[in-house]
Amino acid sequence: MMTQTSAPTPTKDPLTTCDREIIATIANQSDYSKNCQPEDVMTIWINSDDIVWVKMTHGYARYHKEPFKRAVAEVIATDKAVRTLGEVHIP
């Protein structure tokens, strides 16, 4: 008897372009030894020890969860401030 199999459903990439930009910025501000570009960021996960792992095309970077969360918030706040400054119109 033959069974019908279907092709695996492609999964949506959970990281957005903005996510990748934030992660690359954090990597470049840390002691990670490579110049990380957003397109270098492949995936990210948190293990049971609350370590954030970032897989990049040229290796892995690891961060403690709480400092990483603070760094994400700082990058987002800085980005919003820069965008707000760009929207200021001086008469």
PDB file of N, CA and C in Angstrom:
ATOM      1  N   MET A   1       0.831  -1.166   0.000  1.00  0.00           N
ATOM      2  CA  MET A   1       0.000   0.000   0.000  1.00  0.00           C
ATOM      3  C   MET A   1       0.884   1.242   0.000  1.00  0.00           C
ATOM      4  N   MET A   2       0.553   2.195  -0.823  1.00  0.00           N
ATOM      5  CA  MET A   2       1.309   3.445  -0.901  1.00  0.00           C
ATOM      6  C   MET A   2       0.614   4.506  -0.058  1.00  0.00           C
ATOM      7  N   THR A   3       1.414   5.303   0.583  1.00  0.00           N
ATOM      8  CA  THR A   3       0.850   6.414   1.343  1.00  0.00           C
ATOM      9  C   THR A   3       1.276   7.706   0.682  1.00  0.00           C
ATOM     10  N   GLN A   4       0.406   8.666   0.791  1.00  0.00           N
ATOM     11  CA  GLN A   4       0.706   9.966   0.196  1.00  0.00           C
ATOM     12  C   GLN A   4       1.401  10.832   1.229  1.00  0.00           C
ATOM     13  N   THR A   5       2.507  11.400   0.840  1.00  0.00           N
ATOM     14  CA  THR A   5       3.212  12.311   1.737  1.00  0.00           C
ATOM     15  C   THR A   5       3.184  13.692   1.117  1.00  0.00           C
ATOM     16  N   SER A   6       3.182  14.658   1.960  1.00  0.00           N
ATOM     17  CA  SER A   6       3.195  16.023   1.454  1.00  0.00           C
ATOM     18  C   SER A   6       4.539  16.655   1.770  1.00  0.00           C
ATOM     19  N   ALA A   7       4.865  17.643   0.999  1.00  0.00           N
ATOM     20  CA  ALA A   7       6.123  18.354   1.221  1.00  0.00           C
ATOM     21  C   ALA A   7       6.016  19.140   2.517  1.00  0.00           C
ATOM     22  N   PRO A   8       7.125  19.292   3.218  1.00  0.00           N
ATOM     23  CA  PRO A   8       7.074  20.073   4.449  1.00  0.00           C
ATOM     24  C   PRO A   8       6.647  21.507   4.160  1.00  0.00           C
ATOM     25  N   THR A   9       5.867  22.050   5.043  1.00  0.00           N
ATOM     26  CA  THR A   9       5.424  23.429   4.888  1.00  0.00           C
ATOM     27  C   THR A   9       6.573  24.350   5.262  1.00  0.00           C
ATOM     28  N   PRO A  10       6.908  25.286   4.373  1.00  0.00           N
ATOM     29  CA  PRO A  10       7.983  26.212   4.718  1.00  0.00           C
ATOM     30  C   PRO A  10       7.572  27.050   5.941  1.00  0.00           C
ATOM     31  N   THR A  11       8.509  27.250   6.836  1.00  0.00           N
ATOM     32  CA  THR A  11       8.199  28.042   8.012  1.00  0.00           C
ATOM     33  C   THR A  11       8.591  29.490   7.777  1.00  0.00           C
ATOM     34  N   LYS A  12       7.851  30.375   8.391  1.00  0.00           N
ATOM     35  CA  LYS A  12       8.147  31.795   8.287  1.00  0.00           C
ATOM     36  C   LYS A  12       9.344  32.094   9.179  1.00  0.00           C
ATOM     37  N   ASP A  13      10.237  32.899   8.697  1.00  0.00           N
ATOM     38  CA  ASP A  13      11.397  33.293   9.488  1.00  0.00           C
ATOM     39  C   ASP A  13      10.906  34.130  10.669  1.00  0.00           C
ATOM     40  N   PRO A  14      11.176  33.689  11.890  1.00  0.00           N
ATOM     41  CA  PRO A  14      10.670  34.432  13.046  1.00  0.00           C
ATOM     42  C   PRO A  14      11.392  35.754  13.301  1.00  0.00           C
ATOM     43  N   LEU A  15      12.558  35.958  12.697  1.00  0.00           N
ATOM     44  CA  LEU A  15      13.289  37.207  12.890  1.00  0.00           C
ATOM     45  C   LEU A  15      12.980  38.187  11.773  1.00  0.00           C
ATOM     46  N   THR A  16      12.583  39.377  12.153  1.00  0.00           N
ATOM     47  CA  THR A  16      12.328  40.420  11.170  1.00  0.00           C
ATOM     48  C   THR A  16      13.637  41.126  10.825  1.00  0.00           C
ATOM     49  N   THR A  17      13.601  41.950   9.822  1.00  0.00           N
ATOM     50  CA  THR A  17      14.773  42.746   9.466  1.00  0.00           C
ATOM     51  C   THR A  17      15.166  43.633  10.638  1.00  0.00           C
ATOM     52  N   CYS A  18      14.175  44.205  11.296  1.00  0.00           N
ATOM     53  CA  CYS A  18      14.442  45.051  12.464  1.00  0.00           C
ATOM     54  C   CYS A  18      15.102  44.244  13.580  1.00  0.00           C
ATOM     55  N   ASP A  19      14.617  43.026  13.829  1.00  0.00           N
ATOM     56  CA  ASP A  19      15.229  42.150  14.839  1.00  0.00           C
ATOM     57  C   ASP A  19      16.700  41.925  14.527  1.00  0.00           C
ATOM     58  N   ARG A  20      16.982  41.618  13.282  1.00  0.00           N
ATOM     59  CA  ARG A  20      18.360  41.344  12.876  1.00  0.00           C
ATOM     60  C   ARG A  20      19.248  42.575  13.038  1.00  0.00           C
ATOM     61  N   GLU A  21      18.701  43.759  12.743  1.00  0.00           N
ATOM     62  CA  GLU A  21      19.472  44.994  12.912  1.00  0.00           C
ATOM     63  C   GLU A  21      19.793  45.233  14.385  1.00  0.00           C
ATOM     64  N   ILE A  22      18.809  45.011  15.252  1.00  0.00           N
ATOM     65  CA  ILE A  22      19.015  45.191  16.689  1.00  0.00           C
ATOM     66  C   ILE A  22      20.076  44.216  17.198  1.00  0.00           C
ATOM     67  N   ILE A  23      19.948  42.957  16.829  1.00  0.00           N
ATOM     68  CA  ILE A  23      20.893  41.937  17.285  1.00  0.00           C
ATOM     69  C   ILE A  23      22.306  42.235  16.771  1.00  0.00           C
ATOM     70  N   ALA A  24      22.431  42.640  15.521  1.00  0.00           N
ATOM     71  CA  ALA A  24      23.748  42.977  14.969  1.00  0.00           C
ATOM     72  C   ALA A  24      24.352  44.171  15.701  1.00  0.00           C
ATOM     73  N   THR A  25      23.544  45.154  16.025  1.00  0.00           N
ATOM     74  CA  THR A  25      24.024  46.320  16.772  1.00  0.00           C
ATOM     75  C   THR A  25      24.563  45.894  18.132  1.00  0.00           C
ATOM     76  N   ILE A  26      23.811  45.046  18.828  1.00  0.00           N
ATOM     77  CA  ILE A  26      24.249  44.560  20.139  1.00  0.00           C
ATOM     78  C   ILE A  26      25.552  43.771  20.011  1.00  0.00           C
ATOM     79  N   ALA A  27      25.636  42.914  19.013  1.00  0.00           N
ATOM     80  CA  ALA A  27      26.858  42.127  18.810  1.00  0.00           C
ATOM     81  C   ALA A  27      28.057  43.044  18.568  1.00  0.00           C
ATOM     82  N   ASN A  28      27.861  44.095  17.790  1.00  0.00           N
ATOM     83  CA  ASN A  28      28.961  45.008  17.486  1.00  0.00           C
ATOM     84  C   ASN A  28      29.344  45.875  18.679  1.00  0.00           C
ATOM     85  N   GLN A  29      28.429  46.079  19.622  1.00  0.00           N
ATOM     86  CA  GLN A  29      28.740  46.855  20.824  1.00  0.00           C
ATOM     87  C   GLN A  29      29.356  45.984  21.918  1.00  0.00           C
ATOM     88  N   SER A  30      29.322  44.684  21.726  1.00  0.00           N
ATOM     89  CA  SER A  30      29.855  43.761  22.730  1.00  0.00           C
ATOM     90  C   SER A  30      31.293  43.380  22.376  1.00  0.00           C
ATOM     91  N   ASP A  31      31.804  42.380  23.073  1.00  0.00           N
ATOM     92  CA  ASP A  31      33.170  41.934  22.793  1.00  0.00           C
ATOM     93  C   ASP A  31      33.220  40.859  21.708  1.00  0.00           C
ATOM     94  N   TYR A  32      32.106  40.685  20.971  1.00  0.00           N
ATOM     95  CA  TYR A  32      32.099  39.738  19.851  1.00  0.00           C
ATOM     96  C   TYR A  32      33.109  40.217  18.817  1.00  0.00           C
ATOM     97  N   SER A  33      33.969  39.333  18.359  1.00  0.00           N
ATOM     98  CA  SER A  33      35.145  39.731  17.581  1.00  0.00           C
ATOM     99  C   SER A  33      34.911  39.987  16.096  1.00  0.00           C
ATOM    100  N   LYS A  34      33.708  39.813  15.619  1.00  0.00           N
ATOM    101  CA  LYS A  34      33.440  40.007  14.194  1.00  0.00           C
ATOM    102  C   LYS A  34      32.630  41.281  13.988  1.00  0.00           C
ATOM    103  N   ASN A  35      32.729  41.844  12.799  1.00  0.00           N
ATOM    104  CA  ASN A  35      31.875  42.954  12.422  1.00  0.00           C
ATOM    105  C   ASN A  35      30.569  42.345  11.904  1.00  0.00           C
ATOM    106  N   CYS A  36      29.550  42.373  12.718  1.00  0.00           N
ATOM    107  CA  CYS A  36      28.305  41.687  12.402  1.00  0.00           C
ATOM    108  C   CYS A  36      27.347  42.593  11.622  1.00  0.00           C
ATOM    109  N   GLN A  37      26.860  42.100  10.520  1.00  0.00           N
ATOM    110  CA  GLN A  37      25.854  42.775   9.727  1.00  0.00           C
ATOM    111  C   GLN A  37      24.508  42.092   9.968  1.00  0.00           C
ATOM    112  N   PRO A  38      23.390  42.802   9.788  1.00  0.00           N
ATOM    113  CA  PRO A  38      22.082  42.179  10.019  1.00  0.00           C
ATOM    114  C   PRO A  38      21.882  40.872   9.252  1.00  0.00           C
ATOM    115  N   GLU A  39      22.397  40.796   8.051  1.00  0.00           N
ATOM    116  CA  GLU A  39      22.214  39.579   7.255  1.00  0.00           C
ATOM    117  C   GLU A  39      23.051  38.404   7.779  1.00  0.00           C
ATOM    118  N   ASP A  40      23.984  38.676   8.699  1.00  0.00           N
ATOM    119  CA  ASP A  40      24.781  37.612   9.310  1.00  0.00           C
ATOM    120  C   ASP A  40      24.008  36.856  10.395  1.00  0.00           C
ATOM    121  N   VAL A  41      22.974  37.489  10.960  1.00  0.00           N
ATOM    122  CA  VAL A  41      22.213  36.889  12.056  1.00  0.00           C
ATOM    123  C   VAL A  41      21.297  35.811  11.490  1.00  0.00           C
ATOM    124  N   MET A  42      21.498  34.575  11.967  1.00  0.00           N
ATOM    125  CA  MET A  42      20.714  33.454  11.442  1.00  0.00           C
ATOM    126  C   MET A  42      19.553  33.087  12.363  1.00  0.00           C
ATOM    127  N   THR A  43      19.834  32.931  13.658  1.00  0.00           N
ATOM    128  CA  THR A  43      18.778  32.572  14.609  1.00  0.00           C
ATOM    129  C   THR A  43      19.217  32.964  16.016  1.00  0.00           C
ATOM    130  N   ILE A  44      18.265  32.906  16.929  1.00  0.00           N
ATOM    131  CA  ILE A  44      18.527  33.260  18.315  1.00  0.00           C
ATOM    132  C   ILE A  44      17.691  32.349  19.201  1.00  0.00           C
ATOM    133  N   TRP A  45      18.248  31.959  20.344  1.00  0.00           N
ATOM    134  CA  TRP A  45      17.473  31.161  21.291  1.00  0.00           C
ATOM    135  C   TRP A  45      18.009  31.395  22.701  1.00  0.00           C
ATOM    136  N   ILE A  46      17.194  31.022  23.687  1.00  0.00           N
ATOM    137  CA  ILE A  46      17.580  31.131  25.093  1.00  0.00           C
ATOM    138  C   ILE A  46      17.585  29.727  25.668  1.00  0.00           C
ATOM    139  N   ASN A  47      18.693  29.340  26.306  1.00  0.00           N
ATOM    140  CA  ASN A  47      18.748  27.999  26.884  1.00  0.00           C
ATOM    141  C   ASN A  47      18.228  28.012  28.319  1.00  0.00           C
ATOM    142  N   SER A  48      18.244  26.876  28.952  1.00  0.00           N
ATOM    143  CA  SER A  48      17.682  26.734  30.293  1.00  0.00           C
ATOM    144  C   SER A  48      18.472  27.498  31.356  1.00  0.00           C
ATOM    145  N   ASP A  49      19.683  27.909  31.052  1.00  0.00           N
ATOM    146  CA  ASP A  49      20.504  28.685  31.988  1.00  0.00           C
ATOM    147  C   ASP A  49      20.342  30.191  31.782  1.00  0.00           C
ATOM    148  N   ASP A  50      19.314  30.598  31.024  1.00  0.00           N
ATOM    149  CA  ASP A  50      19.071  32.008  30.707  1.00  0.00           C
ATOM    150  C   ASP A  50      20.230  32.656  29.960  1.00  0.00           C
ATOM    151  N   ILE A  51      20.833  31.879  29.083  1.00  0.00           N
ATOM    152  CA  ILE A  51      21.867  32.399  28.189  1.00  0.00           C
ATOM    153  C   ILE A  51      21.241  32.569  26.809  1.00  0.00           C
ATOM    154  N   VAL A  52      21.400  33.762  26.259  1.00  0.00           N
ATOM    155  CA  VAL A  52      20.912  34.045  24.907  1.00  0.00           C
ATOM    156  C   VAL A  52      22.030  33.668  23.942  1.00  0.00           C
ATOM    157  N   TRP A  53      21.714  32.783  23.013  1.00  0.00           N
ATOM    158  CA  TRP A  53      22.663  32.373  21.980  1.00  0.00           C
ATOM    159  C   TRP A  53      22.225  32.977  20.657  1.00  0.00           C
ATOM    160  N   VAL A  54      23.171  33.544  19.938  1.00  0.00           N
ATOM    161  CA  VAL A  54      22.908  34.089  18.609  1.00  0.00           C
ATOM    162  C   VAL A  54      23.799  33.338  17.630  1.00  0.00           C
ATOM    163  N   LYS A  55      23.163  32.675  16.680  1.00  0.00           N
ATOM    164  CA  LYS A  55      23.929  31.989  15.634  1.00  0.00           C
ATOM    165  C   LYS A  55      24.055  32.944  14.461  1.00  0.00           C
ATOM    166  N   MET A  56      25.303  33.143  14.044  1.00  0.00           N
ATOM    167  CA  MET A  56      25.579  34.012  12.909  1.00  0.00           C
ATOM    168  C   MET A  56      26.329  33.220  11.848  1.00  0.00           C
ATOM    169  N   THR A  57      26.433  33.783  10.693  1.00  0.00           N
ATOM    170  CA  THR A  57      27.099  33.075   9.605  1.00  0.00           C
ATOM    171  C   THR A  57      28.556  32.774   9.939  1.00  0.00           C
ATOM    172  N   HIS A  58      29.150  33.529  10.853  1.00  0.00           N
ATOM    173  CA  HIS A  58      30.563  33.341  11.176  1.00  0.00           C
ATOM    174  C   HIS A  58      30.793  32.899  12.613  1.00  0.00           C
ATOM    175  N   GLY A  59      29.784  32.301  13.230  1.00  0.00           N
ATOM    176  CA  GLY A  59      29.992  31.782  14.576  1.00  0.00           C
ATOM    177  C   GLY A  59      28.805  32.035  15.494  1.00  0.00           C
ATOM    178  N   TYR A  60      29.054  31.909  16.776  1.00  0.00           N
ATOM    179  CA  TYR A  60      28.026  32.087  17.801  1.00  0.00           C
ATOM    180  C   TYR A  60      28.453  33.179  18.773  1.00  0.00           C
ATOM    181  N   ALA A  61      27.468  33.881  19.287  1.00  0.00           N
ATOM    182  CA  ALA A  61      27.705  34.835  20.368  1.00  0.00           C
ATOM    183  C   ALA A  61      26.759  34.461  21.499  1.00  0.00           C
ATOM    184  N   ARG A  62      27.194  34.681  22.732  1.00  0.00           N
ATOM    185  CA  ARG A  62      26.334  34.363  23.863  1.00  0.00           C
ATOM    186  C   ARG A  62      26.290  35.541  24.813  1.00  0.00           C
ATOM    187  N   TYR A  63      25.117  35.737  25.398  1.00  0.00           N
ATOM    188  CA  TYR A  63      24.877  36.854  26.299  1.00  0.00           C
ATOM    189  C   TYR A  63      24.002  36.379  27.450  1.00  0.00           C
ATOM    190  N   HIS A  64      24.167  36.980  28.605  1.00  0.00           N
ATOM    191  CA  HIS A  64      23.242  36.710  29.696  1.00  0.00           C
ATOM    192  C   HIS A  64      21.920  37.393  29.358  1.00  0.00           C
ATOM    193  N   LYS A  65      20.829  36.741  29.703  1.00  0.00           N
ATOM    194  CA  LYS A  65      19.491  37.175  29.289  1.00  0.00           C
ATOM    195  C   LYS A  65      19.149  38.606  29.726  1.00  0.00           C
ATOM    196  N   GLU A  66      19.313  38.932  30.993  1.00  0.00           N
ATOM    197  CA  GLU A  66      18.897  40.251  31.487  1.00  0.00           C
ATOM    198  C   GLU A  66      19.688  41.398  30.851  1.00  0.00           C
ATOM    199  N   PRO A  67      21.026  41.317  30.781  1.00  0.00           N
ATOM    200  CA  PRO A  67      21.758  42.383  30.088  1.00  0.00           C
ATOM    201  C   PRO A  67      21.377  42.478  28.596  1.00  0.00           C
ATOM    202  N   PHE A  68      21.082  41.333  27.983  1.00  0.00           N
ATOM    203  CA  PHE A  68      20.685  41.346  26.575  1.00  0.00           C
ATOM    204  C   PHE A  68      19.353  42.078  26.427  1.00  0.00           C
ATOM    205  N   LYS A  69      18.407  41.813  27.328  1.00  0.00           N
ATOM    206  CA  LYS A  69      17.109  42.500  27.294  1.00  0.00           C
ATOM    207  C   LYS A  69      17.303  44.009  27.444  1.00  0.00           C
ATOM    208  N   ARG A  70      18.187  44.421  28.352  1.00  0.00           N
ATOM    209  CA  ARG A  70      18.458  45.852  28.536  1.00  0.00           C
ATOM    210  C   ARG A  70      19.076  46.451  27.273  1.00  0.00           C
ATOM    211  N   ALA A  71      19.990  45.707  26.657  1.00  0.00           N
ATOM    212  CA  ALA A  71      20.633  46.197  25.430  1.00  0.00           C
ATOM    213  C   ALA A  71      19.610  46.361  24.305  1.00  0.00           C
ATOM    214  N   VAL A  72      18.677  45.420  24.193  1.00  0.00           N
ATOM    215  CA  VAL A  72      17.613  45.526  23.171  1.00  0.00           C
ATOM    216  C   VAL A  72      16.807  46.792  23.426  1.00  0.00           C
ATOM    217  N   ALA A  73      16.406  47.023  24.673  1.00  0.00           N
ATOM    218  CA  ALA A  73      15.614  48.210  25.006  1.00  0.00           C
ATOM    219  C   ALA A  73      16.388  49.497  24.681  1.00  0.00           C
ATOM    220  N   GLU A  74      17.687  49.512  24.965  1.00  0.00           N
ATOM    221  CA  GLU A  74      18.506  50.694  24.676  1.00  0.00           C
ATOM    222  C   GLU A  74      18.615  50.951  23.179  1.00  0.00           C
ATOM    223  N   VAL A  75      18.819  49.898  22.401  1.00  0.00           N
ATOM    224  CA  VAL A  75      18.925  50.061  20.944  1.00  0.00           C
ATOM    225  C   VAL A  75      17.595  50.566  20.387  1.00  0.00           C
ATOM    226  N   ILE A  76      16.494  50.021  20.861  1.00  0.00           N
ATOM    227  CA  ILE A  76      15.176  50.459  20.388  1.00  0.00           C
ATOM    228  C   ILE A  76      14.943  51.922  20.759  1.00  0.00           C
ATOM    229  N   ALA A  77      15.269  52.300  21.993  1.00  0.00           N
ATOM    230  CA  ALA A  77      15.078  53.687  22.431  1.00  0.00           C
ATOM    231  C   ALA A  77      15.941  54.643  21.616  1.00  0.00           C
ATOM    232  N   THR A  78      17.178  54.255  21.358  1.00  0.00           N
ATOM    233  CA  THR A  78      18.075  55.087  20.550  1.00  0.00           C
ATOM    234  C   THR A  78      17.545  55.234  19.135  1.00  0.00           C
ATOM    235  N   ASP A  79      17.062  54.136  18.570  1.00  0.00           N
ATOM    236  CA  ASP A  79      16.515  54.168  17.211  1.00  0.00           C
ATOM    237  C   ASP A  79      15.303  55.086  17.140  1.00  0.00           C
ATOM    238  N   LYS A  80      14.416  54.999  18.138  1.00  0.00           N
ATOM    239  CA  LYS A  80      13.234  55.867  18.159  1.00  0.00           C
ATOM    240  C   LYS A  80      13.636  57.324  18.292  1.00  0.00           C
ATOM    241  N   ALA A  81      14.635  57.619  19.109  1.00  0.00           N
ATOM    242  CA  ALA A  81      15.099  58.992  19.290  1.00  0.00           C
ATOM    243  C   ALA A  81      15.671  59.541  17.986  1.00  0.00           C
ATOM    244  N   VAL A  82      16.425  58.718  17.283  1.00  0.00           N
ATOM    245  CA  VAL A  82      17.017  59.161  16.013  1.00  0.00           C
ATOM    246  C   VAL A  82      15.913  59.427  14.986  1.00  0.00           C
ATOM    247  N   ARG A  83      14.911  58.541  14.930  1.00  0.00           N
ATOM    248  CA  ARG A  83      13.807  58.744  13.996  1.00  0.00           C
ATOM    249  C   ARG A  83      13.024  60.004  14.357  1.00  0.00           C
ATOM    250  N   THR A  84      12.827  60.260  15.646  1.00  0.00           N
ATOM    251  CA  THR A  84      12.105  61.453  16.084  1.00  0.00           C
ATOM    252  C   THR A  84      12.870  62.701  15.693  1.00  0.00           C
ATOM    253  N   LEU A  85      14.196  62.700  15.878  1.00  0.00           N
ATOM    254  CA  LEU A  85      15.003  63.841  15.474  1.00  0.00           C
ATOM    255  C   LEU A  85      14.900  64.078  13.984  1.00  0.00           C
ATOM    256  N   GLY A  86      14.825  63.021  13.209  1.00  0.00           N
ATOM    257  CA  GLY A  86      14.707  63.147  11.762  1.00  0.00           C
ATOM    258  C   GLY A  86      13.372  63.731  11.339  1.00  0.00           C
ATOM    259  N   GLU A  87      12.370  63.663  12.207  1.00  0.00           N
ATOM    260  CA  GLU A  87      11.042  64.164  11.886  1.00  0.00           C
ATOM    261  C   GLU A  87      10.837  65.601  12.349  1.00  0.00           C
ATOM    262  N   VAL A  88      11.784  66.150  13.098  1.00  0.00           N
ATOM    263  CA  VAL A  88      11.652  67.515  13.611  1.00  0.00           C
ATOM    264  C   VAL A  88      11.799  68.486  12.445  1.00  0.00           C
ATOM    265  N   HIS A  89      10.845  69.400  12.373  1.00  0.00           N
ATOM    266  CA  HIS A  89      10.880  70.421  11.316  1.00  0.00           C
ATOM    267  C   HIS A  89      11.174  71.761  11.957  1.00  0.00           C
ATOM    268  N   ILE A  90      12.214  72.398  11.509  1.00  0.00           N
ATOM    269  CA  ILE A  90      12.580  73.702  12.054  1.00  0.00           C
ATOM    270  C   ILE A  90      12.073  74.761  11.077  1.00  0.00           C
ATOM    271  N   PRO A  91      11.200  75.641  11.589  1.00  0.00           N
ATOM    272  CA  PRO A  91      10.631  76.675  10.692  1.00  0.00           C
ATOM    273  C   PRO A  91      11.643  77.719  10.284  1.00  0.00           C
TER     274      PRO A  91
END
